[in-house]
């Protein structure tokens, strides 16, 4: 069975930019946070951007609440077109 893909817009105030990410609906918010942080660091070439990934959080723009790391994006109802924020 193929994993459902989500195209999400991710806002990053630290870089004052917005990024588009393709994420798997079945991945946990914690896995998504790590993937997003790693790709932004690589893209921006800023190793110190998220120097302490343990203090970074992923938020859903609709609920304005941080996403628990062990809950999947699908369980949160995040679908293509959803907007997330990494802080």
N, C-alpha and C. Protein backbone atom coordinates (compact mmCIF):
# COMPACT_ATOMS: atom_id res chain seq x y z
N UNK A 1 0.84 -1.19 0.00
CA UNK A 1 0.00 0.00 0.00
C UNK A 1 0.88 1.25 0.00
N UNK A 2 0.58 2.16 -0.88
CA UNK A 2 1.37 3.38 -1.02
C UNK A 2 0.94 4.41 0.02
N UNK A 3 1.91 5.09 0.60
CA UNK A 3 1.60 6.13 1.58
C UNK A 3 1.02 7.35 0.89
N UNK A 4 0.00 7.91 1.50
CA UNK A 4 -0.61 9.13 0.98
C UNK A 4 0.33 10.30 1.21
N UNK A 5 0.51 11.12 0.21
CA UNK A 5 1.39 12.28 0.27
C UNK A 5 0.58 13.54 0.54
N UNK A 6 1.19 14.44 1.28
CA UNK A 6 0.59 15.73 1.62
C UNK A 6 1.53 16.82 1.12
N UNK A 7 0.98 17.81 0.45
CA UNK A 7 1.75 18.99 0.07
C UNK A 7 1.37 20.08 1.07
N UNK A 8 2.29 20.41 1.96
CA UNK A 8 2.03 21.39 3.02
C UNK A 8 2.92 22.60 2.85
N UNK A 9 2.38 23.73 3.22
CA UNK A 9 3.14 24.97 3.23
C UNK A 9 3.68 25.14 4.65
N UNK A 10 4.97 25.38 4.78
CA UNK A 10 5.60 25.52 6.09
C UNK A 10 6.19 26.92 6.22
N UNK A 11 5.72 27.63 7.23
CA UNK A 11 6.20 28.98 7.53
C UNK A 11 7.32 28.86 8.56
N UNK A 12 8.42 29.57 8.32
CA UNK A 12 9.55 29.57 9.25
C UNK A 12 9.91 31.01 9.59
N UNK A 13 9.44 31.52 10.74
CA UNK A 13 9.76 32.91 11.10
C UNK A 13 11.25 33.18 11.23
N UNK A 14 12.04 32.17 11.58
CA UNK A 14 13.48 32.37 11.74
C UNK A 14 14.17 32.77 10.44
N UNK A 15 13.61 32.36 9.31
CA UNK A 15 14.18 32.72 8.02
C UNK A 15 13.31 33.73 7.26
N UNK A 16 12.15 34.02 7.83
CA UNK A 16 11.17 34.92 7.18
C UNK A 16 10.78 34.40 5.80
N UNK A 17 10.66 33.06 5.71
CA UNK A 17 10.30 32.45 4.43
C UNK A 17 9.21 31.40 4.61
N UNK A 18 8.64 31.02 3.50
CA UNK A 18 7.65 29.94 3.45
C UNK A 18 8.18 28.90 2.48
N UNK A 19 8.01 27.63 2.83
CA UNK A 19 8.52 26.52 2.03
C UNK A 19 7.38 25.54 1.76
N UNK A 20 7.46 24.86 0.63
CA UNK A 20 6.52 23.78 0.31
C UNK A 20 7.20 22.45 0.58
N UNK A 21 6.50 21.57 1.28
CA UNK A 21 7.04 20.25 1.60
C UNK A 21 6.05 19.16 1.21
N UNK A 22 6.58 18.08 0.68
CA UNK A 22 5.80 16.88 0.45
C UNK A 22 6.10 15.95 1.61
N UNK A 23 5.07 15.63 2.38
CA UNK A 23 5.20 14.80 3.57
C UNK A 23 4.27 13.60 3.45
N UNK A 24 4.58 12.54 4.17
CA UNK A 24 3.71 11.37 4.19
C UNK A 24 2.66 11.55 5.28
N UNK A 25 1.41 11.26 4.97
CA UNK A 25 0.33 11.43 5.93
C UNK A 25 0.53 10.56 7.17
N UNK A 26 1.18 9.41 7.01
CA UNK A 26 1.38 8.49 8.12
C UNK A 26 2.59 8.79 8.99
N UNK A 27 3.36 9.81 8.65
CA UNK A 27 4.52 10.12 9.48
C UNK A 27 4.08 10.89 10.72
N UNK A 28 4.83 10.70 11.80
CA UNK A 28 4.50 11.43 13.03
C UNK A 28 4.93 12.89 12.88
N UNK A 29 4.34 13.73 13.71
CA UNK A 29 4.71 15.14 13.69
C UNK A 29 6.18 15.31 14.05
N UNK A 30 6.69 14.45 14.94
CA UNK A 30 8.11 14.50 15.30
C UNK A 30 9.01 14.20 14.12
N UNK A 31 8.64 13.20 13.33
CA UNK A 31 9.42 12.86 12.12
C UNK A 31 9.33 13.99 11.10
N UNK A 32 8.15 14.56 10.96
CA UNK A 32 7.97 15.68 10.03
C UNK A 32 8.81 16.88 10.47
N UNK A 33 8.83 17.16 11.77
CA UNK A 33 9.62 18.26 12.30
C UNK A 33 11.10 18.07 11.98
N UNK A 34 11.62 16.87 12.19
CA UNK A 34 13.03 16.59 11.91
C UNK A 34 13.34 16.74 10.42
N UNK A 35 12.44 16.23 9.57
CA UNK A 35 12.64 16.32 8.13
C UNK A 35 12.62 17.78 7.67
N UNK A 36 11.63 18.52 8.14
CA UNK A 36 11.50 19.93 7.75
C UNK A 36 12.71 20.73 8.21
N UNK A 37 13.11 20.56 9.47
CA UNK A 37 14.27 21.29 10.00
C UNK A 37 15.53 20.97 9.21
N UNK A 38 15.76 19.68 8.94
CA UNK A 38 16.96 19.27 8.22
C UNK A 38 16.99 19.86 6.80
N UNK A 39 15.85 19.85 6.13
CA UNK A 39 15.82 20.36 4.76
C UNK A 39 15.95 21.88 4.71
N UNK A 40 15.38 22.58 5.69
CA UNK A 40 15.54 24.04 5.73
C UNK A 40 17.00 24.39 6.02
N UNK A 41 17.62 23.69 6.97
CA UNK A 41 19.04 23.92 7.27
C UNK A 41 19.89 23.72 6.03
N UNK A 42 19.63 22.64 5.30
CA UNK A 42 20.38 22.33 4.09
C UNK A 42 20.14 23.39 3.01
N UNK A 43 18.90 23.77 2.81
CA UNK A 43 18.56 24.75 1.78
C UNK A 43 19.16 26.12 2.09
N UNK A 44 19.04 26.55 3.33
CA UNK A 44 19.52 27.88 3.72
C UNK A 44 21.01 27.91 4.04
N UNK A 45 21.62 26.73 4.14
CA UNK A 45 23.04 26.60 4.50
C UNK A 45 23.34 27.32 5.82
N UNK A 46 22.49 27.04 6.81
CA UNK A 46 22.61 27.65 8.14
C UNK A 46 22.57 26.54 9.18
N UNK A 47 23.71 25.99 9.51
CA UNK A 47 23.77 24.88 10.47
C UNK A 47 23.22 25.25 11.84
N UNK A 48 23.33 26.50 12.22
CA UNK A 48 22.91 26.91 13.55
C UNK A 48 21.44 27.31 13.63
N UNK A 49 20.71 27.22 12.52
CA UNK A 49 19.32 27.65 12.48
C UNK A 49 18.46 26.93 13.52
N UNK A 50 18.57 25.63 13.57
CA UNK A 50 17.85 24.82 14.56
C UNK A 50 18.89 24.03 15.33
N UNK A 51 19.81 24.72 15.99
CA UNK A 51 20.91 24.05 16.68
C UNK A 51 20.42 23.12 17.78
N UNK A 52 19.26 23.41 18.36
CA UNK A 52 18.69 22.53 19.38
C UNK A 52 17.31 22.09 18.88
N UNK A 53 17.30 21.03 18.07
CA UNK A 53 16.05 20.56 17.48
C UNK A 53 15.05 20.15 18.55
N UNK A 54 15.53 19.80 19.74
CA UNK A 54 14.64 19.42 20.83
C UNK A 54 13.77 20.57 21.32
N UNK A 55 14.19 21.79 21.07
CA UNK A 55 13.39 22.94 21.49
C UNK A 55 12.50 23.48 20.36
N UNK A 56 12.66 22.95 19.16
CA UNK A 56 11.83 23.37 18.04
C UNK A 56 10.46 22.71 18.13
N UNK A 57 9.45 23.40 17.61
CA UNK A 57 8.10 22.84 17.62
C UNK A 57 7.44 23.09 16.27
N UNK A 58 6.52 22.19 15.95
CA UNK A 58 5.75 22.29 14.72
C UNK A 58 4.32 22.62 15.11
N UNK A 59 3.76 23.65 14.50
CA UNK A 59 2.40 24.09 14.80
C UNK A 59 1.53 23.94 13.57
N UNK A 60 0.25 23.70 13.78
CA UNK A 60 -0.73 23.72 12.70
C UNK A 60 -1.35 25.10 12.70
N UNK A 61 -1.37 25.76 11.56
CA UNK A 61 -1.87 27.12 11.46
C UNK A 61 -3.34 27.23 11.85
N UNK A 62 -4.13 26.19 11.55
CA UNK A 62 -5.56 26.23 11.84
C UNK A 62 -5.84 26.20 13.34
N UNK A 63 -5.17 25.30 14.05
CA UNK A 63 -5.44 25.15 15.48
C UNK A 63 -4.58 26.07 16.34
N UNK A 64 -3.47 26.54 15.77
CA UNK A 64 -2.50 27.38 16.49
C UNK A 64 -1.94 26.68 17.72
N UNK A 65 -1.94 25.36 17.70
CA UNK A 65 -1.41 24.57 18.80
C UNK A 65 -0.21 23.77 18.33
N UNK A 66 0.76 23.52 19.23
CA UNK A 66 1.90 22.66 18.84
C UNK A 66 1.43 21.23 18.62
N UNK A 67 2.06 20.56 17.67
CA UNK A 67 1.72 19.18 17.36
C UNK A 67 2.55 18.24 18.23
N UNK A 68 1.89 17.30 18.90
CA UNK A 68 2.60 16.30 19.71
C UNK A 68 3.41 15.41 18.77
N UNK A 69 4.63 15.11 19.17
CA UNK A 69 5.55 14.40 18.28
C UNK A 69 5.13 12.98 17.92
N UNK A 70 4.31 12.34 18.73
CA UNK A 70 3.96 10.94 18.50
C UNK A 70 2.64 10.75 17.76
N UNK A 71 1.98 11.80 17.35
CA UNK A 71 0.72 11.73 16.62
C UNK A 71 1.01 11.94 15.13
N UNK A 72 0.34 11.17 14.26
CA UNK A 72 0.59 11.29 12.83
C UNK A 72 -0.10 12.53 12.25
N UNK A 73 0.42 12.98 11.14
CA UNK A 73 -0.16 14.13 10.44
C UNK A 73 -1.60 13.83 10.05
N UNK A 74 -1.85 12.59 9.62
CA UNK A 74 -3.19 12.17 9.24
C UNK A 74 -4.15 12.26 10.42
N UNK A 75 -3.70 11.84 11.60
CA UNK A 75 -4.55 11.90 12.80
C UNK A 75 -4.89 13.35 13.15
N UNK A 76 -4.01 14.27 12.84
CA UNK A 76 -4.27 15.69 13.08
C UNK A 76 -5.19 16.29 12.02
N UNK A 77 -5.46 15.55 10.96
CA UNK A 77 -6.30 16.06 9.89
C UNK A 77 -5.57 16.97 8.93
N UNK A 78 -4.24 16.86 8.93
CA UNK A 78 -3.44 17.68 8.03
C UNK A 78 -3.51 17.07 6.63
N UNK A 79 -3.89 17.90 5.67
CA UNK A 79 -4.07 17.44 4.30
C UNK A 79 -3.30 18.38 3.37
N UNK A 80 -3.28 18.06 2.09
CA UNK A 80 -2.63 18.94 1.12
C UNK A 80 -3.27 20.32 1.20
N UNK A 81 -2.43 21.33 1.23
CA UNK A 81 -2.89 22.70 1.36
C UNK A 81 -2.85 23.21 2.79
N UNK A 82 -2.61 22.30 3.74
CA UNK A 82 -2.50 22.73 5.14
C UNK A 82 -1.27 23.59 5.31
N UNK A 83 -1.34 24.47 6.29
CA UNK A 83 -0.21 25.37 6.58
C UNK A 83 0.31 25.03 7.96
N UNK A 84 1.64 24.79 8.02
CA UNK A 84 2.32 24.48 9.27
C UNK A 84 3.32 25.59 9.57
N UNK A 85 3.74 25.66 10.82
CA UNK A 85 4.76 26.63 11.20
C UNK A 85 5.80 25.93 12.08
N UNK A 86 7.07 26.17 11.78
CA UNK A 86 8.16 25.62 12.58
C UNK A 86 8.80 26.77 13.37
N UNK A 87 8.86 26.58 14.67
CA UNK A 87 9.43 27.61 15.55
C UNK A 87 10.48 26.96 16.42
